[in-house]
C-alpha cells in the first residue's frame, strides 16, 4: 500500500477529509522522525515501538581484497511490534 492509498483508507475509517488525513499522517511521521533524531523512542500501546538501533564501530573485511577495514558506527531506525499486534498474525 502506498501513501495515497493509506490516506484514502484512513479517511474512510475516520470520517476526516483526505486533506485533513494527509496533514495528520505527515504530522505523525514528522513527530516520529524528530523523536528518533533526539534518540528517544515512540511507543504506541497495542501497535509497537519505533526506536534507533546503534551499531558501534567495528572491523570488517573488504570482500574484493580481503583487506581489513573499519566500519564506522551507525544508527538505524527500527520497529518492534507489540505482543498484541504480533498475535493478530
N, C-alpha and C. Protein backbone atom coordinates (compact mmCIF):
# COMPACT_ATOMS: atom_id res chain seq x y z
N UNK A 1 0.85 -1.17 0.00
CA UNK A 1 0.00 0.00 0.00
C UNK A 1 0.90 1.24 0.00
N UNK A 2 0.59 2.17 -0.87
CA UNK A 2 1.36 3.41 -0.93
C UNK A 2 0.66 4.50 -0.12
N UNK A 3 1.30 5.66 -0.03
CA UNK A 3 0.79 6.74 0.82
C UNK A 3 -0.62 7.21 0.42
N UNK A 4 -0.89 7.45 -0.87
CA UNK A 4 -2.26 7.87 -1.24
C UNK A 4 -3.32 6.84 -0.87
N UNK A 5 -3.01 5.57 -1.03
CA UNK A 5 -3.96 4.52 -0.66
C UNK A 5 -4.17 4.49 0.85
N UNK A 6 -3.10 4.68 1.60
CA UNK A 6 -3.21 4.72 3.06
C UNK A 6 -4.05 5.91 3.49
N UNK A 7 -3.83 7.06 2.89
CA UNK A 7 -4.62 8.25 3.21
C UNK A 7 -6.10 8.00 2.92
N UNK A 8 -6.39 7.35 1.79
CA UNK A 8 -7.77 7.04 1.42
C UNK A 8 -8.43 6.15 2.48
N UNK A 9 -7.74 5.09 2.90
CA UNK A 9 -8.29 4.15 3.89
C UNK A 9 -8.52 4.85 5.23
N UNK A 10 -7.54 5.62 5.68
CA UNK A 10 -7.68 6.32 6.96
C UNK A 10 -8.83 7.32 6.89
N UNK A 11 -8.93 8.01 5.77
CA UNK A 11 -10.01 8.98 5.58
C UNK A 11 -11.37 8.31 5.68
N UNK A 12 -11.51 7.16 5.05
CA UNK A 12 -12.78 6.42 5.09
C UNK A 12 -13.12 5.97 6.50
N UNK A 13 -12.12 5.47 7.23
CA UNK A 13 -12.37 4.96 8.59
C UNK A 13 -12.61 6.07 9.61
N UNK A 14 -11.96 7.21 9.43
CA UNK A 14 -12.03 8.26 10.44
C UNK A 14 -13.11 9.31 10.17
N UNK A 15 -13.53 9.41 8.93
CA UNK A 15 -14.51 10.44 8.59
C UNK A 15 -13.87 11.79 8.33
N UNK A 16 -12.55 11.86 8.36
CA UNK A 16 -11.84 13.09 8.05
C UNK A 16 -11.73 13.25 6.54
N UNK A 17 -11.50 14.47 6.10
CA UNK A 17 -11.27 14.68 4.68
C UNK A 17 -9.89 14.14 4.33
N UNK A 18 -9.66 13.94 3.03
CA UNK A 18 -8.34 13.46 2.61
C UNK A 18 -7.25 14.46 2.97
N UNK A 19 -7.55 15.74 2.85
CA UNK A 19 -6.56 16.77 3.19
C UNK A 19 -6.23 16.73 4.68
N UNK A 20 -7.24 16.61 5.54
CA UNK A 20 -7.01 16.52 6.99
C UNK A 20 -6.22 15.26 7.32
N UNK A 21 -6.57 14.17 6.65
CA UNK A 21 -5.88 12.89 6.89
C UNK A 21 -4.42 12.98 6.48
N UNK A 22 -4.16 13.60 5.33
CA UNK A 22 -2.78 13.75 4.85
C UNK A 22 -1.97 14.60 5.82
N UNK A 23 -2.57 15.68 6.33
CA UNK A 23 -1.88 16.54 7.30
C UNK A 23 -1.58 15.78 8.59
N UNK A 24 -2.54 14.98 9.06
CA UNK A 24 -2.35 14.20 10.29
C UNK A 24 -1.26 13.14 10.09
N UNK A 25 -1.28 12.47 8.95
CA UNK A 25 -0.27 11.44 8.68
C UNK A 25 1.12 12.08 8.57
N UNK A 26 1.21 13.20 7.89
CA UNK A 26 2.50 13.90 7.77
C UNK A 26 3.00 14.35 9.14
N UNK A 27 2.09 14.83 9.98
CA UNK A 27 2.47 15.25 11.34
C UNK A 27 2.97 14.05 12.15
N UNK A 28 2.30 12.91 12.02
CA UNK A 28 2.72 11.70 12.74
C UNK A 28 4.12 11.28 12.32
N UNK A 29 4.37 11.26 11.02
CA UNK A 29 5.69 10.87 10.51
C UNK A 29 6.75 11.87 10.99
N UNK A 30 6.42 13.16 10.96
CA UNK A 30 7.36 14.19 11.43
C UNK A 30 7.69 14.02 12.91
N UNK A 31 6.68 13.77 13.73
CA UNK A 31 6.89 13.60 15.17
C UNK A 31 7.75 12.36 15.44
N UNK A 32 7.47 11.26 14.76
CA UNK A 32 8.27 10.04 14.95
C UNK A 32 9.71 10.31 14.53
N UNK A 33 9.90 10.96 13.39
CA UNK A 33 11.24 11.26 12.89
C UNK A 33 12.01 12.15 13.86
N UNK A 34 11.38 13.22 14.33
CA UNK A 34 12.04 14.14 15.25
C UNK A 34 12.38 13.45 16.57
N UNK A 35 11.48 12.60 17.05
CA UNK A 35 11.72 11.90 18.30
C UNK A 35 12.89 10.94 18.17
N UNK A 36 12.98 10.22 17.04
CA UNK A 36 14.11 9.32 16.81
C UNK A 36 15.41 10.09 16.66
N UNK A 37 15.36 11.27 16.03
CA UNK A 37 16.56 12.09 15.90
C UNK A 37 17.08 12.51 17.27
N UNK A 38 16.17 12.69 18.23
CA UNK A 38 16.55 13.04 19.60
C UNK A 38 16.97 11.82 20.41
N UNK A 39 17.10 10.67 19.73
CA UNK A 39 17.50 9.40 20.34
C UNK A 39 16.52 8.96 21.43
N UNK A 40 15.25 9.19 21.19
CA UNK A 40 14.20 8.74 22.09
C UNK A 40 13.35 7.74 21.31
N UNK A 41 12.45 7.05 21.99
CA UNK A 41 11.61 6.08 21.28
C UNK A 41 10.15 6.50 21.33
N UNK A 42 9.38 5.99 20.38
CA UNK A 42 7.95 6.25 20.29
C UNK A 42 7.24 4.92 20.51
N UNK A 43 6.45 4.86 21.57
CA UNK A 43 5.77 3.62 21.93
C UNK A 43 4.27 3.82 21.75
N UNK A 44 3.65 3.01 20.89
CA UNK A 44 2.22 3.06 20.67
C UNK A 44 1.65 1.74 21.20
N UNK A 45 0.96 1.83 22.33
CA UNK A 45 0.45 0.64 23.00
C UNK A 45 -0.49 -0.11 22.06
N UNK A 46 -0.29 -1.42 21.96
CA UNK A 46 -1.11 -2.25 21.10
C UNK A 46 -0.63 -2.31 19.66
N UNK A 47 0.37 -1.50 19.32
CA UNK A 47 0.91 -1.50 17.96
C UNK A 47 2.40 -1.83 17.96
N UNK A 48 3.22 -1.00 18.61
CA UNK A 48 4.64 -1.29 18.66
C UNK A 48 5.48 -0.09 19.04
N UNK A 49 6.79 -0.25 18.90
CA UNK A 49 7.75 0.76 19.31
C UNK A 49 8.71 1.08 18.17
N UNK A 50 8.87 2.37 17.92
CA UNK A 50 9.88 2.85 16.97
C UNK A 50 11.07 3.31 17.80
N UNK A 51 12.28 2.87 17.44
CA UNK A 51 13.47 3.30 18.15
C UNK A 51 14.70 3.19 17.25
N UNK A 52 15.80 3.80 17.69
CA UNK A 52 17.05 3.71 16.95
C UNK A 52 17.86 2.54 17.47
N UNK A 53 18.43 1.79 16.56
CA UNK A 53 19.38 0.74 16.90
C UNK A 53 20.77 1.27 16.58
N UNK A 54 21.66 1.21 17.55
CA UNK A 54 23.01 1.74 17.38
C UNK A 54 23.98 0.60 17.13
N UNK A 55 24.81 0.77 16.11
CA UNK A 55 25.87 -0.19 15.82
C UNK A 55 27.21 0.49 16.09
N UNK A 56 28.03 -0.11 16.94
CA UNK A 56 29.33 0.51 17.22
C UNK A 56 30.29 0.33 16.04
N UNK A 57 31.35 1.14 16.03
CA UNK A 57 32.40 0.97 15.03
C UNK A 57 33.03 -0.40 15.20
N UNK A 58 33.32 -1.07 14.10
CA UNK A 58 33.93 -2.41 14.19
C UNK A 58 34.80 -2.68 12.97
N UNK A 59 35.59 -3.72 13.06
CA UNK A 59 36.48 -4.12 11.97
C UNK A 59 35.75 -5.09 11.04
N UNK A 60 35.97 -4.92 9.76
CA UNK A 60 35.39 -5.81 8.76
C UNK A 60 36.43 -6.11 7.70
N UNK A 61 36.01 -6.82 6.66
CA UNK A 61 36.91 -7.17 5.56
C UNK A 61 36.34 -6.65 4.25
N UNK A 62 37.22 -6.09 3.43
CA UNK A 62 36.84 -5.72 2.08
C UNK A 62 36.67 -7.04 1.32
N UNK A 63 35.47 -7.34 0.80
CA UNK A 63 35.25 -8.65 0.16
C UNK A 63 36.07 -8.84 -1.10
N UNK A 64 36.45 -7.76 -1.77
CA UNK A 64 37.22 -7.89 -3.01
C UNK A 64 38.69 -8.19 -2.74
N UNK A 65 39.26 -7.53 -1.72
CA UNK A 65 40.70 -7.66 -1.47
C UNK A 65 41.02 -8.41 -0.19
N UNK A 66 40.00 -8.64 0.64
CA UNK A 66 40.17 -9.27 1.96
C UNK A 66 41.04 -8.43 2.89
N UNK A 67 41.19 -7.15 2.58
CA UNK A 67 41.93 -6.22 3.44
C UNK A 67 41.03 -5.84 4.61
N UNK A 68 41.59 -5.70 5.81
CA UNK A 68 40.78 -5.23 6.93
C UNK A 68 40.37 -3.76 6.73
N UNK A 69 39.13 -3.45 7.07
CA UNK A 69 38.63 -2.08 7.00
C UNK A 69 37.89 -1.77 8.29
N UNK A 70 37.75 -0.49 8.58
CA UNK A 70 36.98 -0.06 9.74
C UNK A 70 35.60 0.37 9.27
N UNK A 71 34.57 -0.25 9.82
CA UNK A 71 33.20 0.11 9.51
C UNK A 71 32.76 1.09 10.59
N UNK A 72 32.38 2.30 10.17
CA UNK A 72 32.07 3.34 11.15
C UNK A 72 30.74 3.06 11.87
N UNK A 73 30.60 3.65 13.02
CA UNK A 73 29.39 3.49 13.83
C UNK A 73 28.20 4.07 13.06
N UNK A 74 27.02 3.48 13.29
CA UNK A 74 25.83 3.98 12.61
C UNK A 74 24.60 3.73 13.47
N UNK A 75 23.53 4.43 13.13
CA UNK A 75 22.24 4.25 13.79
C UNK A 75 21.19 4.02 12.73
N UNK A 76 20.28 3.08 13.00
CA UNK A 76 19.23 2.74 12.06
C UNK A 76 17.89 2.71 12.77
N UNK A 77 16.86 3.36 12.20
CA UNK A 77 15.54 3.28 12.81
C UNK A 77 14.98 1.87 12.70
N UNK A 78 14.28 1.43 13.73
CA UNK A 78 13.68 0.10 13.69
C UNK A 78 12.29 0.14 14.32
N UNK A 79 11.51 -0.87 14.00
CA UNK A 79 10.16 -1.01 14.55
C UNK A 79 10.04 -2.38 15.18
N UNK A 80 9.57 -2.41 16.42
CA UNK A 80 9.34 -3.68 17.11
C UNK A 80 7.85 -3.76 17.42
N UNK A 81 7.14 -4.70 16.78
CA UNK A 81 5.70 -4.81 17.03
C UNK A 81 5.40 -5.27 18.45
N UNK A 82 4.25 -4.82 18.98
CA UNK A 82 3.85 -5.24 20.33
C UNK A 82 3.38 -6.69 20.30
N UNK A 83 3.32 -7.30 21.45
CA UNK A 83 2.87 -8.68 21.56
C UNK A 83 1.44 -8.82 21.03
N UNK A 84 0.56 -7.88 21.38
CA UNK A 84 -0.82 -7.93 20.92
C UNK A 84 -0.90 -7.84 19.40
N UNK A 85 -0.05 -7.00 18.80
CA UNK A 85 -0.05 -6.84 17.35
C UNK A 85 0.45 -8.11 16.67
N UNK A 86 1.52 -8.72 17.23
CA UNK A 86 2.06 -9.96 16.67
C UNK A 86 1.02 -11.07 16.68
N UNK A 87 0.21 -11.11 17.73
CA UNK A 87 -0.77 -12.19 17.87
C UNK A 87 -1.87 -12.12 16.82
N UNK A 88 -2.04 -10.96 16.17
CA UNK A 88 -3.03 -10.83 15.12
C UNK A 88 -2.69 -11.64 13.89
N UNK A 89 -1.40 -11.94 13.73
CA UNK A 89 -0.95 -12.67 12.56
C UNK A 89 -0.54 -14.04 12.95
